[in-house]
Every structure is written in C-alpha cells, then in structure tokens.
Amino acid sequence: MSQSAQKAANLSLDSNLVSEARELKINVSRAAEEGITKAIKAERERLWRLENAEAIRLENEYIEKHGLPLAKYRQF
C-alpha cells in the first residue's frame, strides 16, 4: 500500500463480514484497500496476458522447435 492521499468511498459490505472483522480487530478500510489492490494487480496481469498472448504463443512455438536460446550454457 502506498502512502498516497486517501479518498473517502462508500462501500456496501456484508454485515456479517464487517461484524466479524471488527470482533477480530481487523481494520476494514485497510483490508478493503488491500483486497482492491490485489484485484487491480490480478486484472492488470490478466489483461497483459491477453494483450501478449500471440507473442507468448510464438515464443513457445520457437522454443519447441529450436530449444531454449543459450541452453548449452545452462548449469542446471
């Protein structure tokens, strides 16, 4: 989480989740922010894979056909 400016947001959350989080002394705002951060990261990764699917396919095809570049120098 970055130390950027905070912005108030209205969220609708399951009341049982909020109650349990409070009982466990979980900071609901921080937990929501961490969850949103993870969701953004996952969506960006998914979009990157979609945008680069053709290049990834071609690279895998090349490796299947020719092997890994510089493979003879690998020590494992």
C-alpha atoms as a PDB file:
ATOM      1  CA  MET A   1       0.000   0.000   0.000  1.00  0.00           C
ATOM      2  CA  SER A   2       1.354   3.399  -0.903  1.00  0.00           C
ATOM      3  CA  GLN A   3       1.267   6.486   1.258  1.00  0.00           C
ATOM      4  CA  SER A   4      -0.796   8.437  -1.274  1.00  0.00           C
ATOM      5  CA  ALA A   5      -3.713  10.670  -0.367  1.00  0.00           C
ATOM      6  CA  GLN A   6      -6.804   8.916   0.909  1.00  0.00           C
ATOM      7  CA  LYS A   7     -10.225   9.314  -0.678  1.00  0.00           C
ATOM      8  CA  ALA A   8     -13.452   8.501   1.100  1.00  0.00           C
ATOM      9  CA  ALA A   9     -15.609   5.912  -0.634  1.00  0.00           C
ATOM     10  CA  ASN A  10     -18.966   4.404   0.183  1.00  0.00           C
ATOM     11  CA  LEU A  11     -18.931   0.619   0.101  1.00  0.00           C
ATOM     12  CA  SER A  12     -21.660  -1.903   0.702  1.00  0.00           C
ATOM     13  CA  LEU A  13     -20.249  -4.856   2.590  1.00  0.00           C
ATOM     14  CA  ASP A  14     -21.793  -7.982   4.033  1.00  0.00           C
ATOM     15  CA  SER A  15     -22.781  -7.040   7.589  1.00  0.00           C
ATOM     16  CA  ASN A  16     -21.599 -10.400   8.958  1.00  0.00           C
ATOM     17  CA  LEU A  17     -18.147  -9.826   7.455  1.00  0.00           C
ATOM     18  CA  VAL A  18     -17.934  -6.352   8.951  1.00  0.00           C
ATOM     19  CA  SER A  19     -19.043  -7.616  12.382  1.00  0.00           C
ATOM     20  CA  GLU A  20     -16.551 -10.464  12.343  1.00  0.00           C
ATOM     21  CA  ALA A  21     -13.756  -8.173  11.159  1.00  0.00           C
ATOM     22  CA  ARG A  22     -14.478  -5.747  13.987  1.00  0.00           C
ATOM     23  CA  GLU A  23     -14.558  -8.586  16.536  1.00  0.00           C
ATOM     24  CA  LEU A  24     -11.143  -9.656  15.270  1.00  0.00           C
ATOM     25  CA  LYS A  25      -9.882  -6.052  15.371  1.00  0.00           C
ATOM     26  CA  ILE A  26      -9.317  -6.016  11.609  1.00  0.00           C
ATOM     27  CA  ASN A  27      -9.110  -2.565  10.071  1.00  0.00           C
ATOM     28  CA  VAL A  28     -11.904  -2.850   7.499  1.00  0.00           C
ATOM     29  CA  SER A  29     -10.690   0.103   5.427  1.00  0.00           C
ATOM     30  CA  ARG A  30      -7.173  -1.275   5.229  1.00  0.00           C
ATOM     31  CA  ALA A  31      -8.436  -4.779   4.423  1.00  0.00           C
ATOM     32  CA  ALA A  32     -10.689  -3.395   1.668  1.00  0.00           C
ATOM     33  CA  GLU A  33      -7.808  -1.382   0.230  1.00  0.00           C
ATOM     34  CA  GLU A  34      -5.533  -4.434   0.239  1.00  0.00           C
ATOM     35  CA  GLY A  35      -8.241  -6.503  -1.459  1.00  0.00           C
ATOM     36  CA  ILE A  36      -8.808  -3.857  -4.129  1.00  0.00           C
ATOM     37  CA  THR A  37      -5.046  -3.596  -4.670  1.00  0.00           C
ATOM     38  CA  LYS A  38      -4.850  -7.371  -5.237  1.00  0.00           C
ATOM     39  CA  ALA A  39      -7.853  -7.277  -7.580  1.00  0.00           C
ATOM     40  CA  ILE A  40      -6.269  -4.476  -9.646  1.00  0.00           C
ATOM     41  CA  LYS A  41      -2.976  -6.380  -9.870  1.00  0.00           C
ATOM     42  CA  ALA A  42      -4.737  -9.585 -10.930  1.00  0.00           C
ATOM     43  CA  GLU A  43      -6.775  -7.782 -13.590  1.00  0.00           C
ATOM     44  CA  ARG A  44      -3.720  -5.975 -14.971  1.00  0.00           C
ATOM     45  CA  GLU A  45      -1.875  -9.309 -15.207  1.00  0.00           C
ATOM     46  CA  ARG A  46      -4.860 -10.933 -16.930  1.00  0.00           C
ATOM     47  CA  LEU A  47      -5.080  -8.095 -19.443  1.00  0.00           C
ATOM     48  CA  TRP A  48      -1.319  -8.221 -20.074  1.00  0.00           C
ATOM     49  CA  ARG A  49      -1.545 -11.962 -20.802  1.00  0.00           C
ATOM     50  CA  LEU A  50      -4.414 -11.338 -23.228  1.00  0.00           C
ATOM     51  CA  GLU A  51      -2.598  -8.483 -24.960  1.00  0.00           C
ATOM     52  CA  ASN A  52       0.586 -10.529 -25.270  1.00  0.00           C
ATOM     53  CA  ALA A  53      -0.929 -13.944 -25.981  1.00  0.00           C
ATOM     54  CA  GLU A  54       0.252 -14.014 -29.587  1.00  0.00           C
ATOM     55  CA  ALA A  55       3.852 -13.117 -28.691  1.00  0.00           C
ATOM     56  CA  ILE A  56       3.853 -15.711 -25.907  1.00  0.00           C
ATOM     57  CA  ARG A  57       2.467 -18.337 -28.287  1.00  0.00           C
ATOM     58  CA  LEU A  58       5.117 -17.533 -30.887  1.00  0.00           C
ATOM     59  CA  GLU A  59       7.918 -17.646 -28.314  1.00  0.00           C
ATOM     60  CA  ASN A  60       6.716 -21.019 -27.016  1.00  0.00           C
ATOM     61  CA  GLU A  61       6.463 -22.295 -30.581  1.00  0.00           C
ATOM     62  CA  TYR A  62      10.043 -21.161 -31.281  1.00  0.00           C
ATOM     63  CA  ILE A  63      11.338 -22.871 -28.125  1.00  0.00           C
ATOM     64  CA  GLU A  64       9.515 -26.098 -29.000  1.00  0.00           C
ATOM     65  CA  LYS A  65      11.048 -26.043 -32.453  1.00  0.00           C
ATOM     66  CA  HIS A  66      14.579 -24.792 -31.644  1.00  0.00           C
ATOM     67  CA  GLY A  67      15.036 -25.278 -27.915  1.00  0.00           C
ATOM     68  CA  LEU A  68      15.980 -22.601 -25.422  1.00  0.00           C
ATOM     69  CA  PRO A  69      18.446 -19.992 -26.649  1.00  0.00           C
ATOM     70  CA  LEU A  70      21.795 -20.387 -24.875  1.00  0.00           C
ATOM     71  CA  ALA A  71      20.633 -23.692 -23.355  1.00  0.00           C
ATOM     72  CA  LYS A  72      24.134 -25.127 -23.764  1.00  0.00           C
ATOM     73  CA  TYR A  73      25.360 -22.604 -21.162  1.00  0.00           C
ATOM     74  CA  ARG A  74      22.828 -23.573 -18.512  1.00  0.00           C
ATOM     75  CA  GLN A  75      24.306 -25.152 -15.401  1.00  0.00           C
ATOM     76  CA  PHE A  76      21.109 -26.745 -14.164  1.00  0.00           C
END
